[in-house]
């Protein structure tokens, strides 16, 4: 089964290579070796945003091109909006990108690997599965 990897985990591996070891970094590497790591366009955009130099941007873009985007369709965006509304009605706030990730994962029955605690709150209300490090 493929695993949808959130921005927070990609960032641990790609942007902060010299930071302290983290179990999600090791899990991402295992998922990559197994051919199970998945990404969506909005995550790619978040990772590439804020890069300071053109050379760093090009290097990161080249690394990420090894991972094709899951194709998102109208139903993903509609489900993301429904998830946003459902969570907001219960007092849980989140970003449009987070709810799009939740929708993409839920519709494909694909668990999400993240270090973002917001997803724990979403998982209490939404039909998403979280993937933890092994």
N, C-alpha and C. Protein backbone atom coordinates (compact mmCIF):
# COMPACT_ATOMS: atom_id res chain seq x y z
N UNK A 1 0.84 -1.17 0.00
CA UNK A 1 0.00 0.00 0.00
C UNK A 1 0.89 1.25 0.00
N UNK A 2 0.54 2.19 -0.84
CA UNK A 2 1.27 3.46 -0.88
C UNK A 2 0.88 4.32 0.32
N UNK A 3 1.76 5.24 0.66
CA UNK A 3 1.56 6.13 1.80
C UNK A 3 1.73 7.57 1.30
N UNK A 4 0.77 8.42 1.60
CA UNK A 4 0.83 9.82 1.24
C UNK A 4 1.70 10.54 2.27
N UNK A 5 2.81 11.08 1.82
CA UNK A 5 3.79 11.69 2.73
C UNK A 5 3.56 13.20 2.76
N UNK A 6 3.31 13.72 3.96
CA UNK A 6 3.03 15.14 4.16
C UNK A 6 4.31 15.97 4.05
N UNK A 7 4.11 17.26 3.82
CA UNK A 7 5.20 18.22 3.69
C UNK A 7 6.18 18.14 4.85
N UNK A 8 5.65 18.01 6.06
CA UNK A 8 6.51 18.01 7.25
C UNK A 8 7.56 16.91 7.20
N UNK A 9 7.22 15.77 6.67
CA UNK A 9 8.15 14.63 6.62
C UNK A 9 9.15 14.81 5.47
N UNK A 10 8.65 15.21 4.30
CA UNK A 10 9.57 15.49 3.19
C UNK A 10 10.59 16.53 3.63
N UNK A 11 10.13 17.55 4.32
CA UNK A 11 11.00 18.63 4.75
C UNK A 11 12.10 18.12 5.69
N UNK A 12 11.75 17.21 6.58
CA UNK A 12 12.76 16.62 7.46
C UNK A 12 13.89 16.00 6.67
N UNK A 13 13.56 15.34 5.59
CA UNK A 13 14.57 14.63 4.80
C UNK A 13 15.27 15.51 3.77
N UNK A 14 14.51 16.39 3.14
CA UNK A 14 15.07 17.13 2.01
C UNK A 14 15.64 18.49 2.38
N UNK A 15 15.02 19.17 3.29
CA UNK A 15 15.48 20.52 3.61
C UNK A 15 16.40 20.56 4.82
N UNK A 16 16.23 19.65 5.73
CA UNK A 16 16.99 19.70 6.98
C UNK A 16 17.83 18.44 7.14
N UNK A 17 18.67 18.17 6.17
CA UNK A 17 19.44 16.93 6.16
C UNK A 17 20.40 16.82 7.35
N UNK A 18 20.78 17.94 7.93
CA UNK A 18 21.74 17.91 9.04
C UNK A 18 21.06 17.92 10.41
N UNK A 19 19.74 17.90 10.43
CA UNK A 19 19.05 17.93 11.73
C UNK A 19 19.14 16.58 12.42
N UNK A 20 18.73 16.56 13.67
CA UNK A 20 18.78 15.34 14.47
C UNK A 20 17.93 14.23 13.83
N UNK A 21 18.31 12.98 14.05
CA UNK A 21 17.53 11.86 13.49
C UNK A 21 16.08 11.91 13.96
N UNK A 22 15.20 11.50 13.10
CA UNK A 22 13.77 11.48 13.43
C UNK A 22 13.19 10.19 12.86
N UNK A 23 12.33 9.49 13.60
CA UNK A 23 11.78 8.22 13.10
C UNK A 23 11.03 8.37 11.77
N UNK A 24 10.41 9.51 11.55
CA UNK A 24 9.68 9.69 10.28
C UNK A 24 10.62 9.84 9.10
N UNK A 25 11.81 10.36 9.35
CA UNK A 25 12.81 10.44 8.27
C UNK A 25 13.20 9.03 7.84
N UNK A 26 13.47 8.17 8.81
CA UNK A 26 13.83 6.79 8.50
C UNK A 26 12.67 6.08 7.80
N UNK A 27 11.45 6.35 8.23
CA UNK A 27 10.28 5.73 7.62
C UNK A 27 10.12 6.19 6.17
N UNK A 28 10.34 7.48 5.92
CA UNK A 28 10.26 7.97 4.54
C UNK A 28 11.29 7.26 3.67
N UNK A 29 12.50 7.14 4.16
CA UNK A 29 13.53 6.46 3.38
C UNK A 29 13.13 5.02 3.08
N UNK A 30 12.54 4.33 4.05
CA UNK A 30 12.07 2.96 3.83
C UNK A 30 10.96 2.93 2.78
N UNK A 31 10.02 3.87 2.89
CA UNK A 31 8.92 3.93 1.92
C UNK A 31 9.44 4.20 0.51
N UNK A 32 10.44 5.06 0.40
CA UNK A 32 11.04 5.35 -0.90
C UNK A 32 11.68 4.08 -1.46
N UNK A 33 12.46 3.39 -0.65
CA UNK A 33 13.11 2.15 -1.10
C UNK A 33 12.09 1.10 -1.54
N UNK A 34 10.94 1.09 -0.88
CA UNK A 34 9.87 0.13 -1.22
C UNK A 34 8.99 0.62 -2.37
N UNK A 35 9.21 1.83 -2.84
CA UNK A 35 8.39 2.39 -3.91
C UNK A 35 6.99 2.74 -3.45
N UNK A 36 6.81 3.08 -2.18
CA UNK A 36 5.48 3.31 -1.62
C UNK A 36 5.21 4.76 -1.23
N UNK A 37 6.20 5.66 -1.36
CA UNK A 37 6.03 7.06 -0.98
C UNK A 37 5.25 7.79 -2.08
N UNK A 38 4.20 8.52 -1.66
CA UNK A 38 3.37 9.26 -2.61
C UNK A 38 3.35 10.74 -2.23
N UNK A 39 3.12 11.57 -3.25
CA UNK A 39 3.08 13.02 -3.07
C UNK A 39 1.96 13.59 -3.94
N UNK A 40 1.44 14.73 -3.54
CA UNK A 40 0.47 15.46 -4.37
C UNK A 40 1.07 16.83 -4.69
N UNK A 41 0.57 17.46 -5.74
CA UNK A 41 1.10 18.73 -6.20
C UNK A 41 1.19 19.81 -5.14
N UNK A 42 0.15 19.99 -4.30
CA UNK A 42 0.25 21.04 -3.27
C UNK A 42 1.40 20.82 -2.28
N UNK A 43 1.75 19.58 -2.01
CA UNK A 43 2.89 19.31 -1.13
C UNK A 43 4.17 19.69 -1.86
N UNK A 44 4.27 19.33 -3.14
CA UNK A 44 5.44 19.71 -3.95
C UNK A 44 5.60 21.24 -3.93
N UNK A 45 4.49 21.95 -4.10
CA UNK A 45 4.54 23.41 -4.10
C UNK A 45 5.03 23.94 -2.76
N UNK A 46 4.50 23.40 -1.65
CA UNK A 46 4.94 23.85 -0.33
C UNK A 46 6.44 23.63 -0.14
N UNK A 47 6.94 22.49 -0.59
CA UNK A 47 8.36 22.18 -0.43
C UNK A 47 9.24 23.12 -1.23
N UNK A 48 8.79 23.48 -2.42
CA UNK A 48 9.60 24.34 -3.29
C UNK A 48 9.45 25.83 -2.98
N UNK A 49 8.45 26.18 -2.21
CA UNK A 49 8.24 27.59 -1.86
C UNK A 49 9.23 28.02 -0.79
N UNK A 50 9.75 29.22 -0.95
CA UNK A 50 10.66 29.77 0.05
C UNK A 50 12.11 29.35 -0.11
N UNK A 51 12.45 28.69 -1.19
CA UNK A 51 13.85 28.32 -1.43
C UNK A 51 14.62 29.59 -1.80
N UNK A 52 15.75 29.78 -1.18
CA UNK A 52 16.45 31.06 -1.30
C UNK A 52 17.22 31.25 -2.59
N UNK A 53 17.81 30.20 -3.13
CA UNK A 53 18.60 30.39 -4.34
C UNK A 53 18.05 29.53 -5.47
N UNK A 54 18.32 29.96 -6.68
CA UNK A 54 17.88 29.20 -7.85
C UNK A 54 18.53 27.82 -7.88
N UNK A 55 19.78 27.75 -7.47
CA UNK A 55 20.48 26.45 -7.47
C UNK A 55 19.84 25.48 -6.49
N UNK A 56 19.49 25.95 -5.29
CA UNK A 56 18.83 25.08 -4.31
C UNK A 56 17.46 24.65 -4.82
N UNK A 57 16.73 25.59 -5.42
CA UNK A 57 15.42 25.29 -5.99
C UNK A 57 15.55 24.19 -7.04
N UNK A 58 16.49 24.36 -7.96
CA UNK A 58 16.67 23.38 -9.04
C UNK A 58 17.05 22.01 -8.49
N UNK A 59 17.91 21.98 -7.48
CA UNK A 59 18.32 20.71 -6.89
C UNK A 59 17.14 20.00 -6.23
N UNK A 60 16.36 20.74 -5.44
CA UNK A 60 15.20 20.15 -4.78
C UNK A 60 14.16 19.70 -5.81
N UNK A 61 13.91 20.53 -6.80
CA UNK A 61 12.96 20.17 -7.85
C UNK A 61 13.40 18.88 -8.55
N UNK A 62 14.68 18.75 -8.82
CA UNK A 62 15.20 17.54 -9.45
C UNK A 62 14.97 16.31 -8.57
N UNK A 63 15.24 16.44 -7.27
CA UNK A 63 15.01 15.32 -6.35
C UNK A 63 13.53 14.93 -6.33
N UNK A 64 12.66 15.92 -6.26
CA UNK A 64 11.23 15.63 -6.16
C UNK A 64 10.64 15.05 -7.45
N UNK A 65 11.26 15.31 -8.57
CA UNK A 65 10.74 14.80 -9.84
C UNK A 65 10.78 13.28 -9.91
N UNK A 66 11.51 12.65 -9.03
CA UNK A 66 11.52 11.18 -8.97
C UNK A 66 10.19 10.63 -8.47
N UNK A 67 9.35 11.51 -7.93
CA UNK A 67 8.07 11.10 -7.34
C UNK A 67 6.93 11.77 -8.11
N UNK A 68 6.26 11.02 -8.96
CA UNK A 68 5.13 11.62 -9.70
C UNK A 68 3.98 11.96 -8.77
N UNK A 69 3.30 13.05 -9.08
CA UNK A 69 2.15 13.46 -8.28
C UNK A 69 0.98 12.51 -8.46
N UNK A 70 0.28 12.22 -7.36
CA UNK A 70 -1.03 11.60 -7.47
C UNK A 70 -1.91 12.61 -8.19
N UNK A 71 -2.67 12.15 -9.14
CA UNK A 71 -3.54 13.06 -9.87
C UNK A 71 -4.77 13.36 -9.01
N UNK A 72 -4.99 14.64 -8.77
CA UNK A 72 -6.16 15.08 -8.02
C UNK A 72 -7.26 15.46 -9.00
N UNK A 73 -8.50 15.19 -8.61
CA UNK A 73 -9.62 15.53 -9.49
C UNK A 73 -10.67 16.33 -8.71
N UNK A 74 -11.73 16.68 -9.38
CA UNK A 74 -12.76 17.52 -8.75
C UNK A 74 -13.28 16.94 -7.46
N UNK A 75 -13.44 15.62 -7.41
CA UNK A 75 -13.96 14.98 -6.20
C UNK A 75 -13.03 15.18 -5.02
N UNK A 76 -11.71 15.22 -5.27
CA UNK A 76 -10.76 15.47 -4.18
C UNK A 76 -10.98 16.87 -3.59
N UNK A 77 -11.15 17.85 -4.45
CA UNK A 77 -11.35 19.22 -3.98
C UNK A 77 -12.70 19.38 -3.28
N UNK A 78 -13.71 18.72 -3.80
CA UNK A 78 -15.03 18.76 -3.15
C UNK A 78 -14.99 18.10 -1.78
N UNK A 79 -14.31 16.96 -1.71
CA UNK A 79 -14.19 16.26 -0.42
C UNK A 79 -13.37 17.09 0.57
N UNK A 80 -12.34 17.76 0.08
CA UNK A 80 -11.53 18.62 0.94
C UNK A 80 -12.39 19.74 1.54
N UNK A 81 -13.25 20.33 0.72
CA UNK A 81 -14.14 21.38 1.20
C UNK A 81 -15.13 20.83 2.23
N UNK A 82 -15.64 19.63 1.97
CA UNK A 82 -16.56 18.99 2.91
C UNK A 82 -15.84 18.73 4.24
N UNK A 83 -14.61 18.22 4.18
CA UNK A 83 -13.82 17.98 5.38
C UNK A 83 -13.57 19.27 6.14
N UNK A 84 -13.22 20.34 5.42
CA UNK A 84 -13.00 21.65 6.04
C UNK A 84 -14.24 22.08 6.81
N UNK A 85 -15.40 21.98 6.15
CA UNK A 85 -16.65 22.41 6.78
C UNK A 85 -17.00 21.55 7.99
N UNK A 86 -16.82 20.26 7.87
CA UNK A 86 -17.12 19.35 8.97
C UNK A 86 -16.23 19.65 10.18
N UNK A 87 -14.94 19.84 9.94
CA UNK A 87 -14.03 20.13 11.05
C UNK A 87 -14.31 21.49 11.65
N UNK A 88 -14.53 22.49 10.82
CA UNK A 88 -14.80 23.84 11.32
C UNK A 88 -16.05 23.84 12.21
N UNK A 89 -17.08 23.09 11.79
CA UNK A 89 -18.32 23.02 12.57
C UNK A 89 -18.08 22.40 13.95
N UNK A 90 -17.00 21.65 14.09
CA UNK A 90 -16.67 21.03 15.37
C UNK A 90 -15.50 21.72 16.06
N UNK A 91 -15.16 22.92 15.57
CA UNK A 91 -14.14 23.72 16.23
C UNK A 91 -12.70 23.38 15.88
N UNK A 92 -12.49 22.60 14.84
CA UNK A 92 -11.14 22.22 14.44
C UNK A 92 -10.78 22.99 13.17
N UNK A 93 -9.73 23.80 13.27
CA UNK A 93 -9.28 24.60 12.14
C UNK A 93 -8.15 23.89 11.42
N UNK A 94 -8.02 24.17 10.12
CA UNK A 94 -6.93 23.61 9.33
C UNK A 94 -6.79 24.36 8.02
N UNK A 95 -5.71 24.07 7.33
CA UNK A 95 -5.46 24.74 6.05
C UNK A 95 -6.15 24.00 4.92
N UNK A 96 -6.38 24.70 3.84
CA UNK A 96 -6.96 24.06 2.66
C UNK A 96 -6.07 22.92 2.17
N UNK A 97 -4.75 23.12 2.23
CA UNK A 97 -3.83 22.08 1.79
C UNK A 97 -3.95 20.85 2.68
N UNK A 98 -4.04 21.03 3.99
CA UNK A 98 -4.19 19.88 4.88
C UNK A 98 -5.45 19.08 4.54
N UNK A 99 -6.55 19.79 4.30
CA UNK A 99 -7.79 19.07 4.00
C UNK A 99 -7.74 18.41 2.63
N UNK A 100 -7.00 18.98 1.70
CA UNK A 100 -6.82 18.34 0.40
C UNK A 100 -6.00 17.06 0.55
N UNK A 101 -4.99 17.08 1.40
CA UNK A 101 -4.20 15.88 1.69
C UNK A 101 -5.10 14.83 2.33
N UNK A 102 -5.92 15.24 3.29
CA UNK A 102 -6.86 14.30 3.92
C UNK A 102 -7.82 13.70 2.91
N UNK A 103 -8.35 14.53 2.03
CA UNK A 103 -9.29 14.04 1.02
C UNK A 103 -8.62 13.06 0.06
N UNK A 104 -7.43 13.39 -0.40
CA UNK A 104 -6.71 12.51 -1.32
C UNK A 104 -6.43 11.17 -0.65
N UNK A 105 -6.00 11.21 0.61
CA UNK A 105 -5.73 9.97 1.33
C UNK A 105 -6.99 9.15 1.57
N UNK A 106 -8.04 9.82 2.02
CA UNK A 106 -9.29 9.12 2.33
C UNK A 106 -9.90 8.48 1.08
N UNK A 107 -9.94 9.22 -0.01
CA UNK A 107 -10.58 8.71 -1.22
C UNK A 107 -9.81 7.52 -1.81
N UNK A 108 -8.52 7.44 -1.56
CA UNK A 108 -7.70 6.36 -2.10
C UNK A 108 -7.37 5.30 -1.05
N UNK A 109 -7.96 5.47 0.16
CA UNK A 109 -7.66 4.58 1.29
C UNK A 109 -6.16 4.47 1.49
N UNK A 110 -5.50 5.64 1.46
CA UNK A 110 -4.06 5.73 1.57
C UNK A 110 -3.72 6.44 2.89
N UNK A 111 -2.96 5.78 3.76
CA UNK A 111 -2.60 6.44 5.02
C UNK A 111 -1.65 7.61 4.78
N UNK A 112 -1.59 8.51 5.76
CA UNK A 112 -0.79 9.73 5.67
C UNK A 112 0.32 9.66 6.71
N UNK A 113 1.55 9.90 6.26
CA UNK A 113 2.70 10.00 7.16
C UNK A 113 2.99 11.48 7.39
N UNK A 114 2.93 11.91 8.63
CA UNK A 114 3.12 13.32 8.96
C UNK A 114 3.70 13.47 10.35
N UNK A 115 4.32 14.62 10.58
CA UNK A 115 4.74 14.99 11.94
C UNK A 115 3.85 16.11 12.46
N UNK A 116 2.88 16.52 11.69
CA UNK A 116 1.99 17.63 12.02
C UNK A 116 0.86 17.12 12.92
N UNK A 117 0.83 17.58 14.16
CA UNK A 117 -0.17 17.14 15.13
C UNK A 117 -1.60 17.50 14.73
N UNK A 118 -1.77 18.46 13.83
CA UNK A 118 -3.12 18.79 13.36
C UNK A 118 -3.81 17.57 12.77
N UNK A 119 -3.05 16.70 12.15
CA UNK A 119 -3.65 15.53 11.52
C UNK A 119 -4.23 14.56 12.55
N UNK A 120 -3.71 14.57 13.76
CA UNK A 120 -4.30 13.75 14.82
C UNK A 120 -5.71 14.25 15.12
N UNK A 121 -5.86 15.57 15.17
CA UNK A 121 -7.20 16.15 15.40
C UNK A 121 -8.13 15.84 14.22
N UNK A 122 -7.61 15.95 13.00
CA UNK A 122 -8.44 15.64 11.83
C UNK A 122 -8.90 14.17 11.87
N UNK A 123 -7.98 13.29 12.26
CA UNK A 123 -8.29 11.85 12.26
C UNK A 123 -9.40 11.49 13.24
N UNK A 124 -9.63 12.32 14.23
CA UNK A 124 -10.74 12.07 15.16
C UNK A 124 -12.09 12.33 14.52
N UNK A 125 -12.09 13.14 13.45
CA UNK A 125 -13.35 13.55 12.82
C UNK A 125 -13.51 13.05 11.39
N UNK A 126 -12.42 12.71 10.76
CA UNK A 126 -12.46 12.37 9.34
C UNK A 126 -12.04 10.91 9.11
N UNK A 127 -12.47 10.34 8.00
CA UNK A 127 -12.12 8.95 7.70
C UNK A 127 -10.73 8.81 7.10
N UNK A 128 -9.74 9.29 7.84
CA UNK A 128 -8.34 9.17 7.37
C UNK A 128 -7.59 8.22 8.29
N UNK A 129 -6.54 7.65 7.72
CA UNK A 129 -5.64 6.78 8.49
C UNK A 129 -4.28 7.44 8.53
N UNK A 130 -3.64 7.39 9.68
CA UNK A 130 -2.29 7.93 9.82
C UNK A 130 -1.30 6.77 9.82
N UNK A 131 -0.18 6.98 9.17
CA UNK A 131 0.87 5.98 9.10
C UNK A 131 2.00 6.42 10.01
N UNK A 132 2.37 5.56 10.92
CA UNK A 132 3.46 5.89 11.84
C UNK A 132 4.72 5.15 11.47
N UNK A 133 5.85 5.61 11.96
CA UNK A 133 7.12 4.90 11.71
C UNK A 133 7.06 3.48 12.26
N UNK A 134 7.68 2.58 11.55
CA UNK A 134 7.73 1.18 11.99
C UNK A 134 8.81 0.99 13.03
